[in-house]
Amino acid sequence: MLGRRNAQLMLSFGVNDVDGTIDDSTKIYSMAGSEEQNPAMSTEELVALIRQAGRTPVERDTLYNVVRDYATA
């Protein structure tokens, strides 16, 4: 909810869990006063954002098992 640039900044400070699932997130972002009124991102955009921050993207399930490792993709 803090925006793309802040997400990248937080990754550089050690954050390791960028995204979760929130239903009707546009309404939540708007109500929270987010600058980004269209926060949706594709998987490819999220992977690029993480890589640009110098981190390796990995998709995990609810139990944190690796679903897809983007280091080799």
PDB file of N, CA and C in Angstrom:
ATOM      1  N   MET A   1       0.815  -1.201   0.000  1.00  0.00           N
ATOM      2  CA  MET A   1       0.000   0.000   0.000  1.00  0.00           C
ATOM      3  C   MET A   1       0.852   1.256   0.000  1.00  0.00           C
ATOM      4  N   LEU A   2       2.163   1.090   0.085  1.00  0.00           N
ATOM      5  CA  LEU A   2       3.042   2.248   0.145  1.00  0.00           C
ATOM      6  C   LEU A   2       3.594   2.649  -1.214  1.00  0.00           C
ATOM      7  N   GLY A   3       3.290   1.886  -2.244  1.00  0.00           N
ATOM      8  CA  GLY A   3       3.735   2.238  -3.583  1.00  0.00           C
ATOM      9  C   GLY A   3       4.954   1.450  -4.038  1.00  0.00           C
ATOM     10  N   ARG A   4       5.174   1.498  -5.336  1.00  0.00           N
ATOM     11  CA  ARG A   4       6.248   0.719  -5.953  1.00  0.00           C
ATOM     12  C   ARG A   4       7.641   1.152  -5.494  1.00  0.00           C
ATOM     13  N   ARG A   5       7.881   2.450  -5.490  1.00  0.00           N
ATOM     14  CA  ARG A   5       9.217   2.951  -5.101  1.00  0.00           C
ATOM     15  C   ARG A   5       9.541   2.611  -3.646  1.00  0.00           C
ATOM     16  N   ASN A   6       8.566   2.759  -2.777  1.00  0.00           N
ATOM     17  CA  ASN A   6       8.800   2.413  -1.373  1.00  0.00           C
ATOM     18  C   ASN A   6       8.998   0.910  -1.204  1.00  0.00           C
ATOM     19  N   ALA A   7       8.303   0.105  -2.003  1.00  0.00           N
ATOM     20  CA  ALA A   7       8.503  -1.349  -1.945  1.00  0.00           C
ATOM     21  C   ALA A   7       9.945  -1.688  -2.295  1.00  0.00           C
ATOM     22  N   GLN A   8      10.481  -1.058  -3.338  1.00  0.00           N
ATOM     23  CA  GLN A   8      11.876  -1.301  -3.712  1.00  0.00           C
ATOM     24  C   GLN A   8      12.828  -0.826  -2.612  1.00  0.00           C
ATOM     25  N   LEU A   9      12.552   0.300  -2.020  1.00  0.00           N
ATOM     26  CA  LEU A   9      13.383   0.805  -0.933  1.00  0.00           C
ATOM     27  C   LEU A   9      13.375  -0.162   0.244  1.00  0.00           C
ATOM     28  N   MET A  10      12.195  -0.657   0.592  1.00  0.00           N
ATOM     29  CA  MET A  10      12.088  -1.594   1.714  1.00  0.00           C
ATOM     30  C   MET A  10      12.837  -2.892   1.420  1.00  0.00           C
ATOM     31  N   LEU A  11      12.808  -3.346   0.157  1.00  0.00           N
ATOM     32  CA  LEU A  11      13.564  -4.541  -0.216  1.00  0.00           C
ATOM     33  C   LEU A  11      15.051  -4.339   0.028  1.00  0.00           C
ATOM     34  N   SER A  12      15.545  -3.145  -0.248  1.00  0.00           N
ATOM     35  CA  SER A  12      16.974  -2.882  -0.052  1.00  0.00           C
ATOM     36  C   SER A  12      17.354  -2.838   1.428  1.00  0.00           C
ATOM     37  N   PHE A  13      16.358  -2.688   2.311  1.00  0.00           N
ATOM     38  CA  PHE A  13      16.597  -2.698   3.749  1.00  0.00           C
ATOM     39  C   PHE A  13      16.270  -4.038   4.396  1.00  0.00           C
ATOM     40  N   GLY A  14      16.005  -5.065   3.562  1.00  0.00           N
ATOM     41  CA  GLY A  14      15.834  -6.402   4.096  1.00  0.00           C
ATOM     42  C   GLY A  14      14.445  -6.982   4.107  1.00  0.00           C
ATOM     43  N   VAL A  15      13.440  -6.225   3.677  1.00  0.00           N
ATOM     44  CA  VAL A  15      12.097  -6.793   3.596  1.00  0.00           C
ATOM     45  C   VAL A  15      12.130  -7.976   2.646  1.00  0.00           C
ATOM     46  N   ASN A  16      11.437  -9.061   2.997  1.00  0.00           N
ATOM     47  CA  ASN A  16      11.489 -10.231   2.122  1.00  0.00           C
ATOM     48  C   ASN A  16      10.112 -10.785   1.778  1.00  0.00           C
ATOM     49  N   ASP A  17       9.075 -10.032   2.016  1.00  0.00           N
ATOM     50  CA  ASP A  17       7.729 -10.469   1.658  1.00  0.00           C
ATOM     51  C   ASP A  17       6.998  -9.259   1.114  1.00  0.00           C
ATOM     52  N   VAL A  18       6.891  -9.182  -0.202  1.00  0.00           N
ATOM     53  CA  VAL A  18       6.403  -7.963  -0.840  1.00  0.00           C
ATOM     54  C   VAL A  18       4.902  -7.934  -1.042  1.00  0.00           C
ATOM     55  N   ASP A  19       4.295  -9.066  -1.340  1.00  0.00           N
ATOM     56  CA  ASP A  19       2.920  -9.021  -1.799  1.00  0.00           C
ATOM     57  C   ASP A  19       2.055 -10.018  -1.066  1.00  0.00           C
ATOM     58  N   GLY A  20       0.806  -9.689  -0.909  1.00  0.00           N
ATOM     59  CA  GLY A  20      -0.194 -10.588  -0.358  1.00  0.00           C
ATOM     60  C   GLY A  20      -1.463 -10.417  -1.153  1.00  0.00           C
ATOM     61  N   THR A  21      -2.510 -11.083  -0.764  1.00  0.00           N
ATOM     62  CA  THR A  21      -3.775 -11.001  -1.489  1.00  0.00           C
ATOM     63  C   THR A  21      -4.782 -10.220  -0.666  1.00  0.00           C
ATOM     64  N   ILE A  22      -5.326  -9.174  -1.281  1.00  0.00           N
ATOM     65  CA  ILE A  22      -6.360  -8.374  -0.639  1.00  0.00           C
ATOM     66  C   ILE A  22      -7.486  -8.205  -1.649  1.00  0.00           C
ATOM     67  N   ASP A  23      -8.690  -8.611  -1.302  1.00  0.00           N
ATOM     68  CA  ASP A  23      -9.823  -8.428  -2.202  1.00  0.00           C
ATOM     69  C   ASP A  23     -10.198  -6.958  -2.263  1.00  0.00           C
ATOM     70  N   ASP A  24     -10.597  -6.527  -3.457  1.00  0.00           N
ATOM     71  CA  ASP A  24     -11.034  -5.144  -3.679  1.00  0.00           C
ATOM     72  C   ASP A  24      -9.970  -4.153  -3.219  1.00  0.00           C
ATOM     73  N   SER A  25      -8.710  -4.432  -3.580  1.00  0.00           N
ATOM     74  CA  SER A  25      -7.593  -3.626  -3.097  1.00  0.00           C
ATOM     75  C   SER A  25      -7.633  -2.185  -3.576  1.00  0.00           C
ATOM     76  N   THR A  26      -8.185  -1.928  -4.770  1.00  0.00           N
ATOM     77  CA  THR A  26      -8.238  -0.554  -5.264  1.00  0.00           C
ATOM     78  C   THR A  26      -9.009   0.324  -4.295  1.00  0.00           C
ATOM     79  N   LYS A  27     -10.130  -0.181  -3.780  1.00  0.00           N
ATOM     80  CA  LYS A  27     -10.919   0.579  -2.817  1.00  0.00           C
ATOM     81  C   LYS A  27     -10.113   0.824  -1.546  1.00  0.00           C
ATOM     82  N   ILE A  28      -9.387  -0.195  -1.086  1.00  0.00           N
ATOM     83  CA  ILE A  28      -8.582  -0.052   0.131  1.00  0.00           C
ATOM     84  C   ILE A  28      -7.483   0.986  -0.080  1.00  0.00           C
ATOM     85  N   TYR A  29      -6.788   0.918  -1.214  1.00  0.00           N
ATOM     86  CA  TYR A  29      -5.732   1.883  -1.500  1.00  0.00           C
ATOM     87  C   TYR A  29      -6.298   3.291  -1.553  1.00  0.00           C
ATOM     88  N   SER A  30      -7.415   3.461  -2.235  1.00  0.00           N
ATOM     89  CA  SER A  30      -8.017   4.779  -2.366  1.00  0.00           C
ATOM     90  C   SER A  30      -8.420   5.339  -1.015  1.00  0.00           C
ATOM     91  N   MET A  31      -9.033   4.491  -0.190  1.00  0.00           N
ATOM     92  CA  MET A  31      -9.472   4.934   1.125  1.00  0.00           C
ATOM     93  C   MET A  31      -8.282   5.283   2.021  1.00  0.00           C
ATOM     94  N   ALA A  32      -7.150   4.633   1.797  1.00  0.00           N
ATOM     95  CA  ALA A  32      -5.967   4.888   2.614  1.00  0.00           C
ATOM     96  C   ALA A  32      -5.194   6.108   2.131  1.00  0.00           C
ATOM     97  N   GLY A  33      -5.645   6.701   1.029  1.00  0.00           N
ATOM     98  CA  GLY A  33      -4.992   7.905   0.521  1.00  0.00           C
ATOM     99  C   GLY A  33      -3.759   7.629  -0.299  1.00  0.00           C
ATOM    100  N   SER A  34      -3.663   6.452  -0.879  1.00  0.00           N
ATOM    101  CA  SER A  34      -2.511   6.102  -1.689  1.00  0.00           C
ATOM    102  C   SER A  34      -2.380   7.023  -2.889  1.00  0.00           C
ATOM    103  N   GLU A  35      -1.129   7.340  -3.252  1.00  0.00           N
ATOM    104  CA  GLU A  35      -0.891   8.136  -4.445  1.00  0.00           C
ATOM    105  C   GLU A  35      -1.212   7.324  -5.693  1.00  0.00           C
ATOM    106  N   GLU A  36      -1.024   5.998  -5.610  1.00  0.00           N
ATOM    107  CA  GLU A  36      -1.289   5.122  -6.739  1.00  0.00           C
ATOM    108  C   GLU A  36      -2.731   4.628  -6.651  1.00  0.00           C
ATOM    109  N   GLN A  37      -3.577   5.111  -7.520  1.00  0.00           N
ATOM    110  CA  GLN A  37      -4.978   4.721  -7.491  1.00  0.00           C
ATOM    111  C   GLN A  37      -5.232   3.429  -8.259  1.00  0.00           C
ATOM    112  N   ASN A  38      -4.233   2.955  -8.993  1.00  0.00           N
ATOM    113  CA  ASN A  38      -4.341   1.690  -9.707  1.00  0.00           C
ATOM    114  C   ASN A  38      -3.155   0.822  -9.302  1.00  0.00           C
ATOM    115  N   PRO A  39      -3.221   0.197  -8.136  1.00  0.00           N
ATOM    116  CA  PRO A  39      -2.064  -0.514  -7.586  1.00  0.00           C
ATOM    117  C   PRO A  39      -1.808  -1.889  -8.176  1.00  0.00           C
ATOM    118  N   ALA A  40      -2.708  -2.402  -9.003  1.00  0.00           N
ATOM    119  CA  ALA A  40      -2.544  -3.756  -9.530  1.00  0.00           C
ATOM    120  C   ALA A  40      -1.267  -3.879 -10.350  1.00  0.00           C
ATOM    121  N   MET A  41      -0.598  -5.011 -10.196  1.00  0.00           N
ATOM    122  CA  MET A  41       0.620  -5.292 -10.960  1.00  0.00           C
ATOM    123  C   MET A  41       0.544  -6.719 -11.471  1.00  0.00           C
ATOM    124  N   SER A  42       1.071  -6.939 -12.664  1.00  0.00           N
ATOM    125  CA  SER A  42       1.160  -8.299 -13.177  1.00  0.00           C
ATOM    126  C   SER A  42       2.326  -8.993 -12.487  1.00  0.00           C
ATOM    127  N   THR A  43       2.379 -10.297 -12.617  1.00  0.00           N
ATOM    128  CA  THR A  43       3.496 -11.053 -12.051  1.00  0.00           C
ATOM    129  C   THR A  43       4.811 -10.566 -12.644  1.00  0.00           C
ATOM    130  N   GLU A  44       4.819 -10.338 -13.936  1.00  0.00           N
ATOM    131  CA  GLU A  44       6.040  -9.882 -14.609  1.00  0.00           C
ATOM    132  C   GLU A  44       6.505  -8.525 -14.069  1.00  0.00           C
ATOM    133  N   GLU A  45       5.561  -7.624 -13.823  1.00  0.00           N
ATOM    134  CA  GLU A  45       5.914  -6.306 -13.270  1.00  0.00           C
ATOM    135  C   GLU A  45       6.479  -6.441 -11.859  1.00  0.00           C
ATOM    136  N   LEU A  46       5.885  -7.305 -11.052  1.00  0.00           N
ATOM    137  CA  LEU A  46       6.356  -7.509  -9.688  1.00  0.00           C
ATOM    138  C   LEU A  46       7.745  -8.145  -9.679  1.00  0.00           C
ATOM    139  N   VAL A  47       7.967  -9.115 -10.552  1.00  0.00           N
ATOM    140  CA  VAL A  47       9.283  -9.749 -10.667  1.00  0.00           C
ATOM    141  C   VAL A  47      10.327  -8.708 -11.073  1.00  0.00           C
ATOM    142  N   ALA A  48      10.004  -7.861 -12.036  1.00  0.00           N
ATOM    143  CA  ALA A  48      10.933  -6.810 -12.478  1.00  0.00           C
ATOM    144  C   ALA A  48      11.231  -5.833 -11.342  1.00  0.00           C
ATOM    145  N   LEU A  49      10.217  -5.434 -10.585  1.00  0.00           N
ATOM    146  CA  LEU A  49      10.408  -4.517  -9.467  1.00  0.00           C
ATOM    147  C   LEU A  49      11.387  -5.111  -8.449  1.00  0.00           C
ATOM    148  N   ILE A  50      11.215  -6.390  -8.146  1.00  0.00           N
ATOM    149  CA  ILE A  50      12.086  -7.060  -7.172  1.00  0.00           C
ATOM    150  C   ILE A  50      13.510  -7.158  -7.707  1.00  0.00           C
ATOM    151  N   ARG A  51      13.656  -7.524  -8.975  1.00  0.00           N
ATOM    152  CA  ARG A  51      14.997  -7.622  -9.581  1.00  0.00           C
ATOM    153  C   ARG A  51      15.692  -6.269  -9.617  1.00  0.00           C
ATOM    154  N   GLN A  52      14.955  -5.208  -9.932  1.00  0.00           N
ATOM    155  CA  GLN A  52      15.526  -3.862  -9.977  1.00  0.00           C
ATOM    156  C   GLN A  52      16.045  -3.431  -8.607  1.00  0.00           C
ATOM    157  N   ALA A  53      15.482  -4.013  -7.558  1.00  0.00           N
ATOM    158  CA  ALA A  53      15.936  -3.704  -6.197  1.00  0.00           C
ATOM    159  C   ALA A  53      17.130  -4.579  -5.800  1.00  0.00           C
ATOM    160  N   GLY A  54      17.587  -5.432  -6.740  1.00  0.00           N
ATOM    161  CA  GLY A  54      18.752  -6.265  -6.463  1.00  0.00           C
ATOM    162  C   GLY A  54      18.441  -7.539  -5.698  1.00  0.00           C
ATOM    163  N   ARG A  55      17.181  -7.944  -5.661  1.00  0.00           N
ATOM    164  CA  ARG A  55      16.778  -9.147  -4.939  1.00  0.00           C
ATOM    165  C   ARG A  55      16.329 -10.225  -5.918  1.00  0.00           C
ATOM    166  N   THR A  56      16.238 -11.459  -5.447  1.00  0.00           N
ATOM    167  CA  THR A  56      15.808 -12.581  -6.267  1.00  0.00           C
ATOM    168  C   THR A  56      14.356 -12.916  -5.938  1.00  0.00           C
ATOM    169  N   PRO A  57      13.452 -12.779  -6.902  1.00  0.00           N
ATOM    170  CA  PRO A  57      12.040 -13.082  -6.648  1.00  0.00           C
ATOM    171  C   PRO A  57      11.786 -14.584  -6.546  1.00  0.00           C
ATOM    172  N   VAL A  58      10.983 -14.967  -5.561  1.00  0.00           N
ATOM    173  CA  VAL A  58      10.568 -16.354  -5.357  1.00  0.00           C
ATOM    174  C   VAL A  58       9.095 -16.328  -4.974  1.00  0.00           C
ATOM    175  N   GLU A  59       8.283 -17.106  -5.682  1.00  0.00           N
ATOM    176  CA  GLU A  59       6.858 -17.213  -5.347  1.00  0.00           C
ATOM    177  C   GLU A  59       6.679 -18.361  -4.373  1.00  0.00           C
ATOM    178  N   ARG A  60       5.942 -18.106  -3.288  1.00  0.00           N
ATOM    179  CA  ARG A  60       5.713 -19.121  -2.256  1.00  0.00           C
ATOM    180  C   ARG A  60       4.221 -19.293  -2.017  1.00  0.00           C
ATOM    181  N   ASP A  61       3.857 -20.452  -1.484  1.00  0.00           N
ATOM    182  CA  ASP A  61       2.461 -20.689  -1.145  1.00  0.00           C
ATOM    183  C   ASP A  61       2.190 -20.238   0.288  1.00  0.00           C
ATOM    184  N   THR A  62       1.012 -20.515   0.787  1.00  0.00           N
ATOM    185  CA  THR A  62       0.605 -20.091   2.131  1.00  0.00           C
ATOM    186  C   THR A  62       1.541 -20.596   3.222  1.00  0.00           C
ATOM    187  N   LEU A  63       2.138 -21.759   3.008  1.00  0.00           N
ATOM    188  CA  LEU A  63       3.044 -22.347   3.998  1.00  0.00           C
ATOM    189  C   LEU A  63       4.512 -22.027   3.704  1.00  0.00           C
ATOM    190  N   TYR A  64       4.750 -21.090   2.799  1.00  0.00           N
ATOM    191  CA  TYR A  64       6.074 -20.624   2.411  1.00  0.00           C
ATOM    192  C   TYR A  64       6.908 -21.674   1.683  1.00  0.00           C
ATOM    193  N   ASN A  65       6.249 -22.659   1.084  1.00  0.00           N
ATOM    194  CA  ASN A  65       6.945 -23.596   0.208  1.00  0.00           C
ATOM    195  C   ASN A  65       7.163 -22.902  -1.131  1.00  0.00           C
ATOM    196  N   VAL A  66       8.300 -23.148  -1.767  1.00  0.00           N
ATOM    197  CA  VAL A  66       8.596 -22.518  -3.053  1.00  0.00           C
ATOM    198  C   VAL A  66       7.664 -23.072  -4.125  1.00  0.00           C
ATOM    199  N   VAL A  67       6.976 -22.154  -4.806  1.00  0.00           N
ATOM    200  CA  VAL A  67       6.110 -22.506  -5.927  1.00  0.00           C
ATOM    201  C   VAL A  67       6.872 -22.296  -7.225  1.00  0.00           C
ATOM    202  N   ARG A  68       7.586 -21.165  -7.305  1.00  0.00           N
ATOM    203  CA  ARG A  68       8.394 -20.853  -8.475  1.00  0.00           C
ATOM    204  C   ARG A  68       9.573 -19.998  -8.055  1.00  0.00           C
ATOM    205  N   ASP A  69      10.750 -20.403  -8.494  1.00  0.00           N
ATOM    206  CA  ASP A  69      11.975 -19.655  -8.221  1.00  0.00           C
ATOM    207  C   ASP A  69      12.344 -18.908  -9.491  1.00  0.00           C
ATOM    208  N   TYR A  70      12.294 -17.595  -9.460  1.00  0.00           N
ATOM    209  CA  TYR A  70      12.551 -16.775 -10.623  1.00  0.00           C
ATOM    210  C   TYR A  70      14.034 -16.548 -10.870  1.00  0.00           C
ATOM    211  N   ALA A  71      14.899 -17.107 -10.050  1.00  0.00           N
ATOM    212  CA  ALA A  71      16.339 -16.966 -10.258  1.00  0.00           C
ATOM    213  C   ALA A  71      16.761 -17.658 -11.545  1.00  0.00           C
ATOM    214  N   THR A  72      16.072 -18.735 -11.885  1.00  0.00           N
ATOM    215  CA  THR A  72      16.419 -19.494 -13.083  1.00  0.00           C
ATOM    216  C   THR A  72      15.462 -19.205 -14.227  1.00  0.00           C
ATOM    217  N   ALA A  73      14.431 -18.419 -13.982  1.00  0.00           N
ATOM    218  CA  ALA A  73      13.425 -18.148 -15.037  1.00  0.00           C
ATOM    219  C   ALA A  73      13.793 -16.934 -15.850  1.00  0.00           C
TER     220      ALA A  73
END
